């Protein structure tokens, strides 16, 4: 996957996690919904000016936006999570921490 597609996928994931529609985010960063759609689909690359507006609107750092180490498919993420859970399955304190963390994510 190329950098435009990876970055677009990441922007979309963060936007959705923040609860923003394309219309809302495009309004926040002063571009058209069509332009945002083409960025998210990887058809176009974000300009420096729009990039700055995006990281501010999404309340992230540029490092977070360009970090690609977790752009995995959900099935792969679940597999890795299950492996981690198996590794700590005999540690009730760590399991409790993981349980509380997962509950806090579900409530968002």
Protein backbone atom coordinates (compact mmCIF):
# COMPACT_ATOMS: atom_id res chain seq x y z
CA UNK A 1 0.00 0.00 0.00
CA UNK A 2 1.37 3.42 -0.95
CA UNK A 3 1.88 6.36 1.37
CA UNK A 4 -1.19 8.22 0.05
CA UNK A 5 -3.45 5.25 0.74
CA UNK A 6 -1.90 4.57 4.15
CA UNK A 7 -2.20 8.20 5.21
CA UNK A 8 -5.75 8.43 3.88
CA UNK A 9 -6.75 5.28 5.72
CA UNK A 10 -5.25 6.65 8.93
CA UNK A 11 -7.02 10.00 8.58
CA UNK A 12 -10.33 8.24 8.03
CA UNK A 13 -9.81 5.92 11.01
CA UNK A 14 -9.02 8.84 13.31
CA UNK A 15 -11.91 10.89 11.93
CA UNK A 16 -14.37 8.06 12.53
CA UNK A 17 -12.96 7.41 16.01
CA UNK A 18 -13.50 11.09 16.83
CA UNK A 19 -17.10 10.81 15.64
CA UNK A 20 -16.70 13.28 12.78
CA UNK A 21 -18.41 12.93 9.44
CA UNK A 22 -16.50 13.91 6.32
CA UNK A 23 -18.73 16.98 6.10
CA UNK A 24 -17.89 18.02 9.67
CA UNK A 25 -14.12 17.51 9.36
CA UNK A 26 -13.94 19.15 5.94
CA UNK A 27 -15.75 22.16 7.40
CA UNK A 28 -13.34 22.24 10.36
CA UNK A 29 -10.29 22.29 8.07
CA UNK A 30 -11.84 24.49 5.38
CA UNK A 31 -11.73 22.11 2.42
CA UNK A 32 -14.53 20.53 0.42
CA UNK A 33 -15.97 17.18 1.42
CA UNK A 34 -14.94 15.90 -2.00
CA UNK A 35 -11.31 16.95 -1.37
CA UNK A 36 -11.32 15.18 2.00
CA UNK A 37 -12.82 12.09 0.41
CA UNK A 38 -10.06 12.00 -2.21
CA UNK A 39 -7.43 12.33 0.53
CA UNK A 40 -8.98 9.54 2.60
CA UNK A 41 -9.24 7.26 -0.42
CA UNK A 42 -5.59 7.86 -1.31
CA UNK A 43 -6.35 9.52 -4.62
CA UNK A 44 -4.75 12.81 -3.54
CA UNK A 45 -2.10 13.76 -1.04
CA UNK A 46 -2.75 16.31 1.65
CA UNK A 47 -1.13 19.75 1.22
CA UNK A 48 1.11 21.15 3.95
CA UNK A 49 -1.53 23.71 4.91
CA UNK A 50 -4.30 21.10 5.08
CA UNK A 51 -1.98 18.73 6.96
CA UNK A 52 -1.46 21.36 9.65
CA UNK A 53 -5.21 21.94 9.91
CA UNK A 54 -5.87 18.19 10.09
CA UNK A 55 -3.53 17.49 12.98
CA UNK A 56 -5.02 20.41 14.89
CA UNK A 57 -8.63 19.44 14.17
CA UNK A 58 -8.01 15.78 15.01
CA UNK A 59 -5.93 16.75 18.07
CA UNK A 60 -3.00 14.53 17.13
CA UNK A 61 0.69 15.03 16.41
CA UNK A 62 2.28 14.65 13.01
CA UNK A 63 4.18 11.67 14.41
CA UNK A 64 0.91 9.95 15.30
CA UNK A 65 -0.49 10.59 11.86
CA UNK A 66 2.54 9.19 10.03
CA UNK A 67 3.11 6.24 12.36
CA UNK A 68 2.15 3.21 10.31
CA UNK A 69 3.18 0.49 12.72
CA UNK A 70 -0.41 -0.24 13.72
CA UNK A 71 -2.16 -0.08 10.38
CA UNK A 72 -3.13 -3.72 10.57
CA UNK A 73 -6.37 -5.36 9.56
CA UNK A 74 -8.84 -6.02 12.41
CA UNK A 75 -8.37 -9.81 12.17
CA UNK A 76 -4.60 -9.40 12.62
CA UNK A 77 -5.09 -7.02 15.55
CA UNK A 78 -7.45 -9.50 17.25
CA UNK A 79 -4.96 -12.31 16.73
CA UNK A 80 -2.16 -10.23 18.30
CA UNK A 81 -4.41 -9.16 21.19
CA UNK A 82 -5.32 -12.76 21.90
CA UNK A 83 -1.64 -13.70 21.90
CA UNK A 84 -0.92 -10.94 24.40
CA UNK A 85 -3.83 -12.01 26.60
CA UNK A 86 -2.54 -15.58 26.57
CA UNK A 87 0.88 -14.33 27.70
CA UNK A 88 -0.58 -12.58 30.75
CA UNK A 89 -3.39 -15.03 31.50
CA UNK A 90 -1.81 -16.10 34.79
CA UNK A 91 -1.34 -12.52 36.04
CA UNK A 92 -4.62 -11.31 37.54
CA UNK A 93 -3.31 -7.78 38.08
CA UNK A 94 -2.41 -7.33 34.40
CA UNK A 95 -5.67 -8.92 33.29
CA UNK A 96 -7.60 -6.50 35.50
CA UNK A 97 -5.74 -3.56 33.92
CA UNK A 98 -6.52 -4.86 30.44
CA UNK A 99 -10.15 -5.42 31.37
CA UNK A 100 -10.50 -1.88 32.71
CA UNK A 101 -8.82 -0.42 29.66
CA UNK A 102 -11.07 -2.32 27.29
CA UNK A 103 -14.14 -1.21 29.26
CA UNK A 104 -13.08 2.43 29.02
CA UNK A 105 -12.74 2.09 25.22
CA UNK A 106 -16.17 0.50 24.88
CA UNK A 107 -17.79 3.40 26.78
CA UNK A 108 -16.42 6.13 24.49
